[in-house]
Every structure is written in structure tokens, then in C-alpha cells.
């Protein structure tokens, strides 16, 4: 029974990772306007050597939004 739970958790992790990666790649290829970018794409856009504050701001904005949505949904 324990091996079944281990395989089930691994399967869920793989499927979730693939969904997140496909979401990133699809929007990277199709979206050219920054106003329509998704959160993973914005994190990629804001990466840079001296843009840590922008990166943290976008990361906190997305995290707080998700926490609020899960709390009140």
C-alpha cells in the first residue's frame, strides 16, 4: 500500500510540473504583449542582474493574489 501512495504522489508531481511548463512555453511563444503576460512569463521578463526588487515585487504580488483567492473561494 505504501508503494502505491509513493507512485501516486510522484505521478501527481510529474503531471503538475508538465502543466506548469507547458503553460510557460505556450505563453512565451504566443504572447508578444507584456500586458497579457502570465505570472511565470513576467518572472522571466523581470530577470536581470540588478532587478531583484522588481522580481521580488512580482513574486509577492502573485503569491498574495493566490493566497487571497484560495482563502475566499
C-alpha atoms as a PDB file:
ATOM      1  CA  UNK A   1       0.000   0.000   0.000  1.00  0.00           C
ATOM      2  CA  UNK A   2       2.841   2.403   0.804  1.00  0.00           C
ATOM      3  CA  UNK A   3       4.417   1.940  -2.632  1.00  0.00           C
ATOM      4  CA  UNK A   4       1.079   2.832  -4.250  1.00  0.00           C
ATOM      5  CA  UNK A   5       0.951   6.131  -2.335  1.00  0.00           C
ATOM      6  CA  UNK A   6       4.548   6.888  -3.364  1.00  0.00           C
ATOM      7  CA  UNK A   7       3.791   6.274  -7.050  1.00  0.00           C
ATOM      8  CA  UNK A   8       0.586   8.279  -6.822  1.00  0.00           C
ATOM      9  CA  UNK A   9       2.441  11.272  -5.340  1.00  0.00           C
ATOM     10  CA  UNK A  10       5.151  11.020  -8.000  1.00  0.00           C
ATOM     11  CA  UNK A  11       2.552  10.875 -10.766  1.00  0.00           C
ATOM     12  CA  UNK A  12       0.740  13.941  -9.449  1.00  0.00           C
ATOM     13  CA  UNK A  13       4.039  15.840  -9.170  1.00  0.00           C
ATOM     14  CA  UNK A  14       5.028  14.979 -12.746  1.00  0.00           C
ATOM     15  CA  UNK A  15       1.653  15.930 -14.219  1.00  0.00           C
ATOM     16  CA  UNK A  16       1.612  19.209 -12.274  1.00  0.00           C
ATOM     17  CA  UNK A  17       5.140  20.069 -13.411  1.00  0.00           C
ATOM     18  CA  UNK A  18       4.319  19.337 -17.028  1.00  0.00           C
ATOM     19  CA  UNK A  19       1.236  21.540 -16.851  1.00  0.00           C
ATOM     20  CA  UNK A  20       3.215  24.449 -15.419  1.00  0.00           C
ATOM     21  CA  UNK A  21       5.977  24.047 -18.010  1.00  0.00           C
ATOM     22  CA  UNK A  22       3.504  23.886 -20.896  1.00  0.00           C
ATOM     23  CA  UNK A  23       1.751  26.973 -19.571  1.00  0.00           C
ATOM     24  CA  UNK A  24       5.067  28.840 -19.571  1.00  0.00           C
ATOM     25  CA  UNK A  25       6.226  27.725 -23.043  1.00  0.00           C
ATOM     26  CA  UNK A  26       2.869  28.275 -24.740  1.00  0.00           C
ATOM     27  CA  UNK A  27       2.582  31.819 -23.485  1.00  0.00           C
ATOM     28  CA  UNK A  28       6.243  32.577 -24.209  1.00  0.00           C
ATOM     29  CA  UNK A  29       5.690  31.654 -27.856  1.00  0.00           C
ATOM     30  CA  UNK A  30       2.224  33.116 -28.422  1.00  0.00           C
ATOM     31  CA  UNK A  31       2.061  36.305 -26.336  1.00  0.00           C
ATOM     32  CA  UNK A  32       4.047  39.286 -27.568  1.00  0.00           C
ATOM     33  CA  UNK A  33       2.293  41.975 -25.489  1.00  0.00           C
ATOM     34  CA  UNK A  34       3.573  42.393 -21.918  1.00  0.00           C
ATOM     35  CA  UNK A  35       0.142  43.464 -20.687  1.00  0.00           C
ATOM     36  CA  UNK A  36      -1.222  39.987 -21.406  1.00  0.00           C
ATOM     37  CA  UNK A  37       1.687  38.026 -19.885  1.00  0.00           C
ATOM     38  CA  UNK A  38       1.092  35.379 -17.236  1.00  0.00           C
ATOM     39  CA  UNK A  39       2.922  35.304 -13.897  1.00  0.00           C
ATOM     40  CA  UNK A  40       5.647  32.803 -14.920  1.00  0.00           C
ATOM     41  CA  UNK A  41       6.269  34.831 -18.060  1.00  0.00           C
ATOM     42  CA  UNK A  42       6.501  38.065 -16.057  1.00  0.00           C
ATOM     43  CA  UNK A  43       9.044  36.448 -13.756  1.00  0.00           C
ATOM     44  CA  UNK A  44      11.117  35.550 -16.808  1.00  0.00           C
ATOM     45  CA  UNK A  45      10.823  39.075 -18.236  1.00  0.00           C
ATOM     46  CA  UNK A  46      11.848  40.776 -14.971  1.00  0.00           C
ATOM     47  CA  UNK A  47      15.006  38.682 -14.514  1.00  0.00           C
ATOM     48  CA  UNK A  48      18.176  40.687 -14.723  1.00  0.00           C
ATOM     49  CA  UNK A  49      21.383  41.441 -12.855  1.00  0.00           C
ATOM     50  CA  UNK A  50      20.092  44.493 -10.953  1.00  0.00           C
ATOM     51  CA  UNK A  51      16.350  43.926 -10.913  1.00  0.00           C
ATOM     52  CA  UNK A  52      15.933  41.939  -7.709  1.00  0.00           C
ATOM     53  CA  UNK A  53      13.362  44.371  -6.331  1.00  0.00           C
ATOM     54  CA  UNK A  54      11.166  44.011  -9.409  1.00  0.00           C
ATOM     55  CA  UNK A  55      11.479  40.230  -9.249  1.00  0.00           C
ATOM     56  CA  UNK A  56      10.506  40.134  -5.579  1.00  0.00           C
ATOM     57  CA  UNK A  57       7.624  42.547  -6.201  1.00  0.00           C
ATOM     58  CA  UNK A  58       6.147  40.395  -8.965  1.00  0.00           C
ATOM     59  CA  UNK A  59       6.675  37.233  -6.931  1.00  0.00           C
ATOM     60  CA  UNK A  60       4.950  38.679  -3.856  1.00  0.00           C
ATOM     61  CA  UNK A  61       2.123  40.086  -5.967  1.00  0.00           C
ATOM     62  CA  UNK A  62       1.401  36.689  -7.489  1.00  0.00           C
ATOM     63  CA  UNK A  63       1.740  34.852  -4.183  1.00  0.00           C
ATOM     64  CA  UNK A  64      -0.538  37.224  -2.267  1.00  0.00           C
ATOM     65  CA  UNK A  65      -3.121  37.101  -5.040  1.00  0.00           C
ATOM     66  CA  UNK A  66      -3.206  33.295  -4.969  1.00  0.00           C
ATOM     67  CA  UNK A  67      -3.440  33.195  -1.172  1.00  0.00           C
ATOM     68  CA  UNK A  68      -6.340  35.656  -1.171  1.00  0.00           C
ATOM     69  CA  UNK A  69      -8.155  33.746  -3.922  1.00  0.00           C
ATOM     70  CA  UNK A  70      -7.767  30.388  -2.139  1.00  0.00           C
ATOM     71  CA  UNK A  71      -8.851  31.914   1.176  1.00  0.00           C
ATOM     72  CA  UNK A  72     -12.092  33.408  -0.075  1.00  0.00           C
ATOM     73  CA  UNK A  73     -13.009  30.886  -2.768  1.00  0.00           C
END
